[in-house]
C-alpha cells in the first residue's frame, strides 16, 4: 500500500499525520511526494499513526531491490 492511499483511507490529513508522527507537515509532504525518505524511527511512527506497517507503506527491501521497491 502506498503512503498517500493509506493516509486517505485513514481519513487523516497530511497535517494530522505529521502532528501525530511528531514531524513537520513539510517533512511529511516530502516523504509522501517521494522527495525524501524517512528515517527508521520516523517511518515507524508514520506506520503506527496510519495503523499499518513500514513494509506496506514504504516497501520491503529484497535481495533483488535493495532500495526497498518490490522486484518486478
PDB file of N, CA and C in Angstrom:
ATOM      1  N   UNK A   1       0.848  -1.181   0.000  1.00  0.00           N
ATOM      2  CA  UNK A   1       0.000   0.000   0.000  1.00  0.00           C
ATOM      3  C   UNK A   1       0.891   1.240   0.000  1.00  0.00           C
ATOM      4  N   UNK A   2       0.525   2.199  -0.750  1.00  0.00           N
ATOM      5  CA  UNK A   2       1.265   3.444  -0.818  1.00  0.00           C
ATOM      6  C   UNK A   2       0.891   4.358   0.336  1.00  0.00           C
ATOM      7  N   UNK A   3       1.804   5.250   0.665  1.00  0.00           N
ATOM      8  CA  UNK A   3       1.613   6.147   1.791  1.00  0.00           C
ATOM      9  C   UNK A   3       0.375   7.025   1.633  1.00  0.00           C
ATOM     10  N   UNK A   4       0.222   7.651   0.498  1.00  0.00           N
ATOM     11  CA  UNK A   4      -0.929   8.536   0.291  1.00  0.00           C
ATOM     12  C   UNK A   4      -2.246   7.773   0.396  1.00  0.00           C
ATOM     13  N   UNK A   5      -2.303   6.614  -0.222  1.00  0.00           N
ATOM     14  CA  UNK A   5      -3.521   5.806  -0.183  1.00  0.00           C
ATOM     15  C   UNK A   5      -3.866   5.413   1.249  1.00  0.00           C
ATOM     16  N   UNK A   6      -2.862   5.052   2.023  1.00  0.00           N
ATOM     17  CA  UNK A   6      -3.096   4.671   3.420  1.00  0.00           C
ATOM     18  C   UNK A   6      -3.583   5.869   4.230  1.00  0.00           C
ATOM     19  N   UNK A   7      -2.991   7.026   3.977  1.00  0.00           N
ATOM     20  CA  UNK A   7      -3.420   8.230   4.694  1.00  0.00           C
ATOM     21  C   UNK A   7      -4.862   8.570   4.348  1.00  0.00           C
ATOM     22  N   UNK A   8      -5.182   8.554   3.069  1.00  0.00           N
ATOM     23  CA  UNK A   8      -6.548   8.870   2.641  1.00  0.00           C
ATOM     24  C   UNK A   8      -7.544   7.853   3.189  1.00  0.00           C
ATOM     25  N   UNK A   9      -7.164   6.581   3.206  1.00  0.00           N
ATOM     26  CA  UNK A   9      -8.048   5.542   3.744  1.00  0.00           C
ATOM     27  C   UNK A   9      -8.293   5.741   5.238  1.00  0.00           C
ATOM     28  N   UNK A  10      -7.313   6.335   5.923  1.00  0.00           N
ATOM     29  CA  UNK A  10      -7.462   6.579   7.359  1.00  0.00           C
ATOM     30  C   UNK A  10      -8.326   7.800   7.654  1.00  0.00           C
ATOM     31  N   UNK A  11      -8.566   8.613   6.613  1.00  0.00           N
ATOM     32  CA  UNK A  11      -9.365   9.817   6.790  1.00  0.00           C
ATOM     33  C   UNK A  11      -8.591  10.972   7.405  1.00  0.00           C
ATOM     34  N   UNK A  12      -7.278  10.845   7.453  1.00  0.00           N
ATOM     35  CA  UNK A  12      -6.445  11.885   8.059  1.00  0.00           C
ATOM     36  C   UNK A  12      -5.859  12.803   6.989  1.00  0.00           C
ATOM     37  N   UNK A  13      -5.605  14.048   7.388  1.00  0.00           N
ATOM     38  CA  UNK A  13      -4.923  14.979   6.504  1.00  0.00           C
ATOM     39  C   UNK A  13      -3.416  14.811   6.681  1.00  0.00           C
ATOM     40  N   UNK A  14      -2.669  15.412   5.772  1.00  0.00           N
ATOM     41  CA  UNK A  14      -1.214  15.388   5.910  1.00  0.00           C
ATOM     42  C   UNK A  14      -0.808  16.052   7.223  1.00  0.00           C
ATOM     43  N   UNK A  15      -1.457  17.149   7.561  1.00  0.00           N
ATOM     44  CA  UNK A  15      -1.133  17.870   8.796  1.00  0.00           C
ATOM     45  C   UNK A  15      -1.386  16.997  10.024  1.00  0.00           C
ATOM     46  N   UNK A  16      -2.473  16.248  10.020  1.00  0.00           N
ATOM     47  CA  UNK A  16      -2.793  15.382  11.154  1.00  0.00           C
ATOM     48  C   UNK A  16      -1.761  14.274  11.305  1.00  0.00           C
ATOM     49  N   UNK A  17      -1.393  13.643  10.208  1.00  0.00           N
ATOM     50  CA  UNK A  17      -0.398  12.568  10.270  1.00  0.00           C
ATOM     51  C   UNK A  17       0.928  13.133  10.754  1.00  0.00           C
ATOM     52  N   UNK A  18       1.329  14.262  10.214  1.00  0.00           N
ATOM     53  CA  UNK A  18       2.593  14.877  10.618  1.00  0.00           C
ATOM     54  C   UNK A  18       2.602  15.169  12.113  1.00  0.00           C
ATOM     55  N   UNK A  19       1.541  15.760  12.607  1.00  0.00           N
ATOM     56  CA  UNK A  19       1.481  16.107  14.028  1.00  0.00           C
ATOM     57  C   UNK A  19       1.565  14.853  14.901  1.00  0.00           C
ATOM     58  N   UNK A  20       0.787  13.842  14.553  1.00  0.00           N
ATOM     59  CA  UNK A  20       0.779  12.610  15.334  1.00  0.00           C
ATOM     60  C   UNK A  20       2.110  11.857  15.249  1.00  0.00           C
ATOM     61  N   UNK A  21       2.804  11.989  14.107  1.00  0.00           N
ATOM     62  CA  UNK A  21       4.101  11.332  13.928  1.00  0.00           C
ATOM     63  C   UNK A  21       5.249  12.196  14.457  1.00  0.00           C
ATOM     64  N   UNK A  22       4.909  13.376  14.943  1.00  0.00           N
ATOM     65  CA  UNK A  22       5.892  14.295  15.537  1.00  0.00           C
ATOM     66  C   UNK A  22       6.954  14.752  14.550  1.00  0.00           C
ATOM     67  N   UNK A  23       6.481  15.090  13.325  1.00  0.00           N
ATOM     68  CA  UNK A  23       7.355  15.682  12.315  1.00  0.00           C
ATOM     69  C   UNK A  23       6.627  16.889  11.736  1.00  0.00           C
ATOM     70  N   UNK A  24       7.347  17.710  10.991  1.00  0.00           N
ATOM     71  CA  UNK A  24       6.706  18.876  10.390  1.00  0.00           C
ATOM     72  C   UNK A  24       5.835  18.438   9.210  1.00  0.00           C
ATOM     73  N   UNK A  25       4.859  19.266   8.907  1.00  0.00           N
ATOM     74  CA  UNK A  25       3.990  18.956   7.773  1.00  0.00           C
ATOM     75  C   UNK A  25       4.801  18.933   6.474  1.00  0.00           C
ATOM     76  N   UNK A  26       5.743  19.858   6.324  1.00  0.00           N
ATOM     77  CA  UNK A  26       6.556  19.873   5.099  1.00  0.00           C
ATOM     78  C   UNK A  26       7.424  18.618   4.994  1.00  0.00           C
ATOM     79  N   UNK A  27       7.932  18.126   6.123  1.00  0.00           N
ATOM     80  CA  UNK A  27       8.711  16.885   6.092  1.00  0.00           C
ATOM     81  C   UNK A  27       7.819  15.723   5.658  1.00  0.00           C
ATOM     82  N   UNK A  28       6.606  15.675   6.204  1.00  0.00           N
ATOM     83  CA  UNK A  28       5.688  14.601   5.808  1.00  0.00           C
ATOM     84  C   UNK A  28       5.373  14.694   4.311  1.00  0.00           C
ATOM     85  N   UNK A  29       5.103  15.900   3.836  1.00  0.00           N
ATOM     86  CA  UNK A  29       4.784  16.077   2.415  1.00  0.00           C
ATOM     87  C   UNK A  29       5.933  15.604   1.536  1.00  0.00           C
ATOM     88  N   UNK A  30       7.161  15.923   1.925  1.00  0.00           N
ATOM     89  CA  UNK A  30       8.315  15.480   1.142  1.00  0.00           C
ATOM     90  C   UNK A  30       8.402  13.960   1.102  1.00  0.00           C
ATOM     91  N   UNK A  31       8.051  13.316   2.196  1.00  0.00           N
ATOM     92  CA  UNK A  31       8.054  11.853   2.227  1.00  0.00           C
ATOM     93  C   UNK A  31       6.936  11.311   1.335  1.00  0.00           C
ATOM     94  N   UNK A  32       5.741  11.864   1.471  1.00  0.00           N
ATOM     95  CA  UNK A  32       4.604  11.379   0.680  1.00  0.00           C
ATOM     96  C   UNK A  32       4.817  11.602  -0.817  1.00  0.00           C
ATOM     97  N   UNK A  33       5.454  12.710  -1.185  1.00  0.00           N
ATOM     98  CA  UNK A  33       5.684  13.022  -2.599  1.00  0.00           C
ATOM     99  C   UNK A  33       6.988  12.422  -3.130  1.00  0.00           C
ATOM    100  N   UNK A  34       7.618  11.535  -2.350  1.00  0.00           N
ATOM    101  CA  UNK A  34       8.855  10.853  -2.747  1.00  0.00           C
ATOM    102  C   UNK A  34      10.022  11.805  -2.991  1.00  0.00           C
ATOM    103  N   UNK A  35      10.027  12.937  -2.300  1.00  0.00           N
ATOM    104  CA  UNK A  35      11.144  13.869  -2.413  1.00  0.00           C
ATOM    105  C   UNK A  35      12.228  13.558  -1.382  1.00  0.00           C
ATOM    106  N   UNK A  36      11.863  12.810  -0.341  1.00  0.00           N
ATOM    107  CA  UNK A  36      12.835  12.363   0.655  1.00  0.00           C
ATOM    108  C   UNK A  36      12.344  11.068   1.269  1.00  0.00           C
ATOM    109  N   UNK A  37      13.258  10.358   1.899  1.00  0.00           N
ATOM    110  CA  UNK A  37      12.911   9.106   2.554  1.00  0.00           C
ATOM    111  C   UNK A  37      12.980   9.307   4.065  1.00  0.00           C
ATOM    112  N   UNK A  38      12.050   8.715   4.786  1.00  0.00           N
ATOM    113  CA  UNK A  38      12.077   8.872   6.240  1.00  0.00           C
ATOM    114  C   UNK A  38      13.151   8.003   6.876  1.00  0.00           C
ATOM    115  N   UNK A  39      13.623   8.438   8.022  1.00  0.00           N
ATOM    116  CA  UNK A  39      14.488   7.584   8.813  1.00  0.00           C
ATOM    117  C   UNK A  39      13.661   6.454   9.396  1.00  0.00           C
ATOM    118  N   UNK A  40      14.325   5.491   9.967  1.00  0.00           N
ATOM    119  CA  UNK A  40      13.641   4.316  10.502  1.00  0.00           C
ATOM    120  C   UNK A  40      12.602   4.713  11.553  1.00  0.00           C
ATOM    121  N   UNK A  41      12.983   5.517  12.506  1.00  0.00           N
ATOM    122  CA  UNK A  41      12.061   5.900  13.574  1.00  0.00           C
ATOM    123  C   UNK A  41      10.867   6.678  13.037  1.00  0.00           C
ATOM    124  N   UNK A  42      11.123   7.566  12.101  1.00  0.00           N
ATOM    125  CA  UNK A  42      10.026   8.333  11.512  1.00  0.00           C
ATOM    126  C   UNK A  42       9.090   7.417  10.740  1.00  0.00           C
ATOM    127  N   UNK A  43       9.641   6.480   9.974  1.00  0.00           N
ATOM    128  CA  UNK A  43       8.812   5.534   9.215  1.00  0.00           C
ATOM    129  C   UNK A  43       7.938   4.708  10.152  1.00  0.00           C
ATOM    130  N   UNK A  44       8.501   4.304  11.268  1.00  0.00           N
ATOM    131  CA  UNK A  44       7.726   3.519  12.246  1.00  0.00           C
ATOM    132  C   UNK A  44       6.604   4.361  12.834  1.00  0.00           C
ATOM    133  N   UNK A  45       6.901   5.611  13.182  1.00  0.00           N
ATOM    134  CA  UNK A  45       5.856   6.477  13.748  1.00  0.00           C
ATOM    135  C   UNK A  45       4.733   6.713  12.746  1.00  0.00           C
ATOM    136  N   UNK A  46       5.082   6.964  11.485  1.00  0.00           N
ATOM    137  CA  UNK A  46       4.056   7.165  10.459  1.00  0.00           C
ATOM    138  C   UNK A  46       3.218   5.903  10.310  1.00  0.00           C
ATOM    139  N   UNK A  47       3.861   4.748  10.270  1.00  0.00           N
ATOM    140  CA  UNK A  47       3.130   3.482  10.135  1.00  0.00           C
ATOM    141  C   UNK A  47       2.163   3.288  11.296  1.00  0.00           C
ATOM    142  N   UNK A  48       2.599   3.605  12.495  1.00  0.00           N
ATOM    143  CA  UNK A  48       1.714   3.462  13.661  1.00  0.00           C
ATOM    144  C   UNK A  48       0.534   4.414  13.572  1.00  0.00           C
ATOM    145  N   UNK A  49       0.785   5.648  13.158  1.00  0.00           N
ATOM    146  CA  UNK A  49      -0.299   6.632  13.026  1.00  0.00           C
ATOM    147  C   UNK A  49      -1.336   6.134  12.021  1.00  0.00           C
ATOM    148  N   UNK A  50      -0.876   5.496  10.964  1.00  0.00           N
ATOM    149  CA  UNK A  50      -1.778   5.026   9.908  1.00  0.00           C
ATOM    150  C   UNK A  50      -2.224   3.580  10.111  1.00  0.00           C
ATOM    151  N   UNK A  51      -1.904   3.016  11.285  1.00  0.00           N
ATOM    152  CA  UNK A  51      -2.309   1.642  11.603  1.00  0.00           C
ATOM    153  C   UNK A  51      -1.883   0.676  10.492  1.00  0.00           C
ATOM    154  N   UNK A  52      -0.617   0.794  10.116  1.00  0.00           N
ATOM    155  CA  UNK A  52      -0.085  -0.022   9.035  1.00  0.00           C
ATOM    156  C   UNK A  52       1.318  -0.488   9.431  1.00  0.00           C
ATOM    157  N   UNK A  53       2.045  -0.986   8.456  1.00  0.00           N
ATOM    158  CA  UNK A  53       3.422  -1.400   8.690  1.00  0.00           C
ATOM    159  C   UNK A  53       4.342  -0.602   7.780  1.00  0.00           C
ATOM    160  N   UNK A  54       5.588  -0.528   8.165  1.00  0.00           N
ATOM    161  CA  UNK A  54       6.581   0.155   7.337  1.00  0.00           C
ATOM    162  C   UNK A  54       6.662  -0.523   5.974  1.00  0.00           C
ATOM    163  N   UNK A  55       6.615  -1.852   5.968  1.00  0.00           N
ATOM    164  CA  UNK A  55       6.698  -2.593   4.707  1.00  0.00           C
ATOM    165  C   UNK A  55       5.544  -2.246   3.769  1.00  0.00           C
ATOM    166  N   UNK A  56       4.335  -2.139   4.318  1.00  0.00           N
ATOM    167  CA  UNK A  56       3.188  -1.806   3.470  1.00  0.00           C
ATOM    168  C   UNK A  56       3.267  -0.385   2.931  1.00  0.00           C
ATOM    169  N   UNK A  57       3.761   0.530   3.736  1.00  0.00           N
ATOM    170  CA  UNK A  57       3.784   1.931   3.327  1.00  0.00           C
ATOM    171  C   UNK A  57       4.960   2.277   2.427  1.00  0.00           C
ATOM    172  N   UNK A  58       6.115   1.668   2.695  1.00  0.00           N
ATOM    173  CA  UNK A  58       7.328   2.085   2.000  1.00  0.00           C
ATOM    174  C   UNK A  58       7.983   0.976   1.194  1.00  0.00           C
ATOM    175  N   UNK A  59       7.465  -0.236   1.238  1.00  0.00           N
ATOM    176  CA  UNK A  59       8.049  -1.356   0.513  1.00  0.00           C
ATOM    177  C   UNK A  59       9.137  -2.019   1.330  1.00  0.00           C
ATOM    178  N   UNK A  60       9.318  -3.281   1.128  1.00  0.00           N
ATOM    179  CA  UNK A  60      10.326  -4.046   1.859  1.00  0.00           C
ATOM    180  C   UNK A  60      11.549  -4.237   0.971  1.00  0.00           C
ATOM    181  N   UNK A  61      12.709  -4.093   1.549  1.00  0.00           N
ATOM    182  CA  UNK A  61      13.934  -4.347   0.798  1.00  0.00           C
ATOM    183  C   UNK A  61      14.030  -5.833   0.483  1.00  0.00           C
ATOM    184  N   UNK A  62      14.433  -6.125  -0.714  1.00  0.00           N
ATOM    185  CA  UNK A  62      14.622  -7.511  -1.137  1.00  0.00           C
ATOM    186  C   UNK A  62      16.041  -7.653  -1.686  1.00  0.00           C
ATOM    187  N   UNK A  63      16.538  -8.885  -1.780  1.00  0.00           N
ATOM    188  CA  UNK A  63      17.883  -9.054  -2.351  1.00  0.00           C
ATOM    189  C   UNK A  63      18.003  -8.471  -3.759  1.00  0.00           C
ATOM    190  N   UNK A  64      16.905  -8.555  -4.547  1.00  0.00           N
ATOM    191  CA  UNK A  64      16.930  -8.028  -5.913  1.00  0.00           C
ATOM    192  C   UNK A  64      16.825  -6.508  -5.970  1.00  0.00           C
ATOM    193  N   UNK A  65      16.139  -5.938  -4.993  1.00  0.00           N
ATOM    194  CA  UNK A  65      15.876  -4.499  -4.999  1.00  0.00           C
ATOM    195  C   UNK A  65      16.204  -3.904  -3.629  1.00  0.00           C
ATOM    196  N   UNK A  66      17.477  -3.653  -3.335  1.00  0.00           N
ATOM    197  CA  UNK A  66      17.853  -3.162  -2.016  1.00  0.00           C
ATOM    198  C   UNK A  66      17.306  -1.780  -1.687  1.00  0.00           C
ATOM    199  N   UNK A  67      16.746  -1.071  -2.650  1.00  0.00           N
ATOM    200  CA  UNK A  67      16.200   0.251  -2.382  1.00  0.00           C
ATOM    201  C   UNK A  67      14.819   0.192  -1.739  1.00  0.00           C
ATOM    202  N   UNK A  68      14.288  -1.010  -1.539  1.00  0.00           N
ATOM    203  CA  UNK A  68      13.000  -1.159  -0.881  1.00  0.00           C
ATOM    204  C   UNK A  68      11.824  -1.283  -1.824  1.00  0.00           C
ATOM    205  N   UNK A  69      12.047  -1.103  -3.112  1.00  0.00           N
ATOM    206  CA  UNK A  69      10.956  -1.258  -4.073  1.00  0.00           C
ATOM    207  C   UNK A  69      10.841  -2.714  -4.451  1.00  0.00           C
ATOM    208  N   UNK A  70       9.620  -3.228  -4.483  1.00  0.00           N
ATOM    209  CA  UNK A  70       9.451  -4.645  -4.807  1.00  0.00           C
ATOM    210  C   UNK A  70      10.025  -4.991  -6.175  1.00  0.00           C
ATOM    211  N   UNK A  71      10.614  -6.151  -6.277  1.00  0.00           N
ATOM    212  CA  UNK A  71      11.153  -6.610  -7.553  1.00  0.00           C
ATOM    213  C   UNK A  71      10.004  -6.836  -8.532  1.00  0.00           C
ATOM    214  N   UNK A  72      10.243  -6.546  -9.774  1.00  0.00           N
ATOM    215  CA  UNK A  72       9.192  -6.719 -10.805  1.00  0.00           C
ATOM    216  C   UNK A  72       9.473  -7.938 -11.620  1.00  0.00           C
TER     217      UNK A  72
END
